[in-house]
Protein backbone atom coordinates (compact mmCIF):
# COMPACT_ATOMS: atom_id res chain seq x y z
CA MET A 1 127.95 100.20 135.10
CA LEU A 2 130.83 102.06 133.37
CA ALA A 3 131.22 99.20 130.88
CA GLN A 4 127.49 99.30 130.11
CA THR A 5 127.63 103.06 129.55
CA ALA A 6 130.59 102.77 127.20
CA PHE A 7 128.86 100.02 125.28
CA ARG A 8 125.71 102.11 124.83
CA LEU A 9 127.75 105.01 123.50
CA THR A 10 129.09 102.90 120.65
CA ARG A 11 127.29 100.50 118.35
CA ARG A 12 123.92 100.34 120.10
CA ILE A 13 123.40 104.11 120.28
CA ILE A 14 124.37 104.52 116.63
CA ARG A 15 121.76 102.02 115.53
CA ALA A 16 119.10 103.56 117.78
CA LEU A 17 119.86 107.01 116.33
CA GLY A 18 119.57 105.64 112.81
CA LEU A 19 116.13 104.20 113.53
CA PHE A 20 115.04 107.47 115.18
CA LEU A 21 116.05 109.49 112.16
CA PHE A 22 114.33 107.01 109.84
CA VAL A 23 111.06 107.29 111.77
CA LEU A 24 111.25 111.11 111.74
CA ALA A 25 111.82 111.11 108.00
CA ALA A 26 109.22 108.45 107.17
CA PRO A 27 106.21 110.76 106.57
CA SER A 28 108.08 112.84 104.00
CA LEU A 29 109.92 109.90 102.46
CA PHE A 30 106.80 107.89 101.79
CA ALA A 31 104.19 110.58 101.12
CA ALA A 32 104.76 110.25 97.38
CA PRO A 33 103.58 107.28 95.31
CA PRO A 34 105.96 104.29 95.40
CA ARG A 35 108.92 104.41 93.07
CA PRO A 36 108.55 101.56 90.54
CA GLY A 37 112.05 100.22 91.07
CA ILE A 38 112.10 100.34 94.88
CA LEU A 39 110.86 97.75 97.37
CA ARG A 40 110.73 98.93 100.99
CA LEU A 41 111.26 95.87 103.19
CA ALA A 42 110.77 96.04 106.96
CA THR A 43 112.29 93.04 108.66
CA THR A 44 113.60 91.68 111.93
CA THR A 45 117.25 92.23 112.78
CA SER A 46 118.04 88.51 112.69
CA THR A 47 117.66 88.33 108.92
CA GLU A 48 120.25 91.09 108.56
CA ASP A 49 122.60 90.23 111.45
CA SER A 50 122.83 86.63 110.22
CA GLY A 51 123.89 87.83 106.77
CA LEU A 52 120.96 86.09 105.05
CA LEU A 53 119.52 89.16 103.33
CA GLY A 54 122.89 90.33 102.06
CA TRP A 55 123.33 86.91 100.50
CA LEU A 56 119.82 86.57 99.01
CA LEU A 57 118.66 89.99 97.87
CA PRO A 58 121.13 90.76 95.03
CA GLU A 59 119.58 87.94 93.01
CA PHE A 60 116.06 89.39 93.40
CA GLU A 61 117.27 92.91 92.61
CA GLN A 62 119.04 91.79 89.46
CA ALA A 63 116.12 89.66 88.23
CA ASN A 64 113.60 92.45 88.79
CA ARG A 65 115.82 95.44 87.99
CA CYS A 66 114.97 97.00 91.32
CA ARG A 67 116.52 97.96 94.63
CA VAL A 68 115.41 96.67 98.03
CA GLU A 69 115.60 99.23 100.81
CA VAL A 70 115.88 97.26 104.06
CA VAL A 71 114.91 98.58 107.47
CA ALA A 72 116.00 95.98 110.04
CA VAL A 73 114.27 96.53 113.38
CA GLY A 74 112.29 94.34 115.76
CA THR A 75 109.24 92.48 114.49
CA GLY A 76 106.89 94.79 116.38
CA GLN A 77 108.45 97.86 114.76
CA SER A 78 108.46 96.16 111.34
CA LEU A 79 104.74 95.43 111.58
CA GLU A 80 104.10 99.00 112.71
CA LEU A 81 105.92 100.31 109.62
CA GLY A 82 103.61 98.10 107.56
CA ARG A 83 100.53 99.36 109.39
CA ARG A 84 101.53 102.93 108.61
CA GLY A 85 102.15 102.14 104.95
CA ASP A 86 105.85 102.91 105.39
CA ALA A 87 106.86 99.48 104.04
CA ASP A 88 105.76 97.48 101.03
CA ALA A 89 106.52 94.09 102.59
CA VAL A 90 107.43 92.75 106.02
CA LEU A 91 109.54 89.68 106.82
CA VAL A 92 109.13 88.85 110.52
CA HIS A 93 108.85 86.10 113.13
CA SER A 94 105.99 86.57 115.59
CA ARG A 95 103.02 84.52 114.46
CA PRO A 96 100.41 86.17 116.73
CA GLY A 97 101.43 89.61 115.47
CA GLU A 98 101.45 88.43 111.86
CA ASP A 99 97.99 86.85 112.17
CA LYS A 100 96.61 90.07 113.67
CA PHE A 101 98.22 92.05 110.84
CA VAL A 102 96.20 89.96 108.36
CA ALA A 103 93.02 89.99 110.48
CA ASP A 104 93.17 93.79 110.67
CA GLY A 105 93.37 94.01 106.88
CA PHE A 106 96.95 95.23 106.55
CA ALA A 107 97.90 92.17 104.47
CA ARG A 108 95.73 89.84 102.45
CA GLU A 109 97.70 86.72 103.38
CA ARG A 110 100.72 85.50 105.34
CA PHE A 111 103.22 83.15 103.70
CA ASP A 112 105.58 80.69 105.40
CA VAL A 113 109.19 81.40 104.48
CA MET A 114 111.56 79.57 106.82
CA TYR A 115 112.26 78.67 110.41
CA ASN A 116 115.04 78.08 112.87
CA ASP A 117 114.95 77.93 116.66
CA PHE A 118 115.68 79.89 119.79
CA ILE A 119 118.48 78.94 122.15
CA ILE A 120 119.71 80.21 125.48
CA VAL A 121 123.33 81.31 125.53
CA GLY A 122 125.35 82.43 128.49
CA PRO A 123 128.75 82.54 130.20
CA LYS A 124 130.90 79.47 129.75
CA GLY A 125 131.12 79.16 133.54
CA ASP A 126 127.30 78.91 133.68
CA PRO A 127 126.77 80.37 137.18
CA ALA A 128 123.02 79.54 137.09
CA LYS A 129 123.78 75.89 136.23
CA ILE A 130 121.32 75.64 133.34
CA ARG A 131 123.45 73.33 131.20
CA GLY A 132 121.68 69.98 130.95
CA LEU A 133 118.16 71.39 131.33
CA SER A 134 115.68 70.68 128.54
CA LEU A 135 113.06 73.44 128.87
CA ALA A 136 113.54 77.17 128.58
CA ARG A 137 111.18 77.91 131.48
CA ASP A 138 113.32 75.77 133.82
CA ALA A 139 116.43 77.62 132.65
CA PHE A 140 114.78 81.01 133.20
CA ARG A 141 113.76 79.95 136.69
CA ALA A 142 117.35 78.92 137.50
CA ILE A 143 118.73 82.20 136.12
CA MET A 144 116.24 84.17 138.21
CA GLU A 145 116.97 82.22 141.39
CA ALA A 146 120.71 82.66 140.88
CA LYS A 147 120.20 86.40 140.30
CA ALA A 148 122.47 86.05 137.30
CA PRO A 149 122.68 88.82 134.66
CA PHE A 150 120.13 88.44 131.85
CA ALA A 151 120.06 90.53 128.65
CA SER A 152 116.63 91.10 127.11
CA ARG A 153 116.21 92.66 123.69
CA GLY A 154 113.33 94.69 125.13
CA ASP A 155 112.30 95.87 121.66
CA LYS A 156 108.94 94.16 121.01
CA SER A 157 110.66 91.87 118.52
CA GLY A 158 109.64 88.27 117.92
CA THR A 159 112.50 87.19 120.17
CA HIS A 160 111.37 89.58 122.91
CA VAL A 161 107.77 88.32 122.64
CA LYS A 162 109.01 84.73 122.96
CA GLU A 163 111.12 85.67 126.00
CA LEU A 164 108.17 87.39 127.70
CA GLY A 165 106.05 84.31 127.07
CA ILE A 166 108.57 82.16 128.92
CA TRP A 167 108.58 84.52 131.91
CA THR A 168 104.77 84.56 131.87
CA ALA A 169 104.74 80.76 132.04
CA LEU A 170 106.65 81.15 135.32
CA GLY A 171 104.22 83.77 136.61
CA VAL A 172 106.96 86.41 136.43
CA THR A 173 106.80 89.93 135.02
CA PRO A 174 110.41 90.91 134.31
CA GLY A 175 111.61 94.42 135.00
CA PRO A 176 113.85 96.47 137.26
CA GLN A 177 112.62 94.49 140.26
CA LEU A 178 114.17 91.32 138.79
CA ALA A 179 117.81 91.15 139.91
CA GLY A 180 120.26 91.15 137.02
CA TYR A 181 117.62 91.87 134.34
CA ASN A 182 118.75 94.27 131.57
CA SER A 183 116.15 95.49 129.06
CA LEU A 184 118.18 96.92 126.19
CA GLY A 185 115.73 97.99 123.50
CA GLN A 186 118.18 96.70 120.88
CA GLY A 187 118.48 94.17 118.08
CA MET A 188 119.77 90.62 118.35
CA GLY A 189 123.33 91.43 117.37
CA GLU A 190 123.71 94.23 119.90
CA THR A 191 122.07 92.13 122.61
CA LEU A 192 124.51 89.29 122.02
CA LEU A 193 127.47 91.68 122.14
CA PHE A 194 126.16 93.11 125.41
CA ALA A 195 125.71 89.61 126.87
CA ASN A 196 129.23 88.70 125.84
CA GLU A 197 130.69 91.83 127.45
CA GLN A 198 128.63 91.59 130.64
CA GLN A 199 128.72 87.78 130.91
CA ALA A 200 124.94 87.62 130.85
CA TYR A 201 122.45 85.01 129.69
CA THR A 202 120.13 85.79 126.79
CA LEU A 203 117.56 84.20 124.50
CA ALA A 204 118.78 84.29 120.89
CA ASP A 205 117.82 82.91 117.52
CA ARG A 206 120.35 80.26 116.56
CA GLY A 207 121.08 81.76 113.15
CA THR A 208 122.30 85.10 114.47
CA PHE A 209 124.33 83.48 117.24
CA LEU A 210 126.12 81.14 114.83
CA ALA A 211 126.81 83.96 112.38
CA MET A 212 128.31 86.11 115.16
CA ARG A 213 129.99 83.36 117.16
CA ASP A 214 133.52 84.54 116.36
CA LYS A 215 132.68 87.87 118.03
CA LEU A 216 131.26 86.19 121.14
CA PRO A 217 134.16 84.33 122.77
CA GLY A 218 132.61 84.52 126.24
CA LEU A 219 129.28 82.90 125.32
CA LYS A 220 128.21 79.30 124.85
CA ILE A 221 124.98 77.56 123.88
CA LEU A 222 123.68 76.24 127.20
CA LEU A 223 120.15 75.17 126.23
CA GLY A 224 119.02 74.02 122.80
CA GLY A 225 121.86 71.74 121.75
CA GLU A 226 124.33 72.26 118.94
CA ASN A 227 121.69 72.08 116.21
CA LEU A 228 117.92 72.27 115.80
CA ALA A 229 117.48 68.49 116.01
CA GLU A 230 119.04 68.52 119.49
CA ASN A 231 116.69 71.20 120.82
CA LYS A 232 114.36 69.36 123.21
CA ASP A 233 112.08 72.34 123.83
CA LYS A 234 109.76 72.37 120.82
CA ALA A 235 108.22 75.63 122.06
CA LEU A 236 111.48 77.25 120.90
CA LEU A 237 110.81 76.68 117.19
CA ASN A 238 110.95 80.03 115.40
CA PRO A 239 108.92 80.38 112.16
CA TYR A 240 109.27 83.40 109.84
CA GLY A 241 106.54 84.76 107.61
CA VAL A 242 106.41 87.31 104.79
CA LEU A 243 103.47 89.64 104.13
CA ALA A 244 102.82 92.15 101.37
CA VAL A 245 101.16 95.28 102.70
CA SER A 246 97.64 95.46 101.32
CA PRO A 247 96.77 98.19 98.83
CA ASP A 248 93.26 98.12 100.32
CA LYS A 249 94.73 99.90 103.35
CA HIS A 250 97.58 101.74 101.64
CA PRO A 251 97.05 102.27 97.89
CA ARG A 252 100.43 104.00 97.58
CA THR A 253 102.44 100.91 98.50
CA ASN A 254 104.28 99.04 95.76
CA TYR A 255 102.06 95.98 96.02
CA GLU A 256 102.97 94.54 92.62
CA LEU A 257 106.68 94.45 93.43
CA ALA A 258 105.96 93.24 96.98
CA MET A 259 104.05 90.24 95.63
CA LYS A 260 106.87 89.50 93.20
CA PHE A 261 109.16 89.44 96.23
CA VAL A 262 106.81 87.10 98.12
CA SER A 263 106.60 84.73 95.15
CA TRP A 264 110.37 84.79 94.68
CA LEU A 265 111.08 84.22 98.37
CA CYS A 266 108.72 81.23 98.48
CA SER A 267 109.85 79.76 95.15
CA PRO A 268 111.59 76.37 95.16
CA ALA A 269 114.88 77.85 93.96
CA THR A 270 115.04 80.50 96.69
CA GLN A 271 113.88 78.02 99.29
CA ARG A 272 116.80 75.78 98.36
CA ARG A 273 119.18 78.73 98.72
CA ILE A 274 117.76 79.51 102.17
CA GLY A 275 118.27 75.89 103.20
CA SER A 276 121.89 75.96 102.07
CA TYR A 277 122.86 79.21 103.77
CA GLY A 278 125.49 78.57 106.43
CA LEU A 279 125.73 74.86 105.68
CA GLU A 280 129.31 74.93 104.46
CA ARG A 281 130.62 77.27 107.15
CA PHE A 282 128.71 75.99 110.19
CA GLY A 283 127.84 72.43 109.21
CA GLN A 284 124.13 73.29 109.47
CA PRO A 285 121.76 75.78 107.86
CA LEU A 286 121.08 79.00 109.74
CA PHE A 287 117.47 78.80 108.50
CA TYR A 288 115.37 75.92 107.23
CA PRO A 289 113.05 76.43 104.24
CA GLY A 290 109.30 76.61 104.74
CA TYR A 291 107.41 75.70 107.88
CA GLY A 292 104.57 73.23 108.24
CA ARG A 293 104.64 72.44 104.52
């Protein structure tokens, strides 16, 4: 308990405070018409924690003489920023939420960008004995029966939605009544750091885990294999989509620049860059270009 408290008083609480201040400031920040040279991008934490955005965005900014202001939160929060008109574009990974965003008129279209997969990581000693299992639901059942610690993002992100879907398939509603269950309300990076410190299992996107692996000496991939091709649970595929917030709902958004960003992100050249990211360092891409194309 003391270790958890100390952890929350460091990196996780700082990030939560930053988001809180951003949300408080949002009405005044975005009441004015969009600044021509600014693109407000709301995105999931995995695109930032993996280093992908830091690697990609300078090229777009230079080509378009603009600046991209990134708010990296969970997918649910990113879509909410878009619904409020507090973002010009969203880059997220929860297909049901994205489809509803379009159906409700907040974007005119959703575009495939890339995909990777989810994995289950946990203590190297694997007290729940999930190593060797093929399906995430079987691993979750074993973790629950072993009453082993489990770290949930708990932030309505795409990863959190996927996790809840796995519990639902077992007929389980996770919460305080589930022994060892920790709902953190944090991003992927913080959740992985917590799992490493507390020797807990967690569901993670492969890209963020690989990018942070040097900081996670106590964790190991226990379900999903060492690369996407080895992942036997096809339900763990993780597609990302990009959406420009519709001017029909929010005329003040910078729709023109948002659509330039969408076109650039989906262009063959940028898609090749996405597919090469991480290849040299990890022997595999952290994200694969496109999805279903």
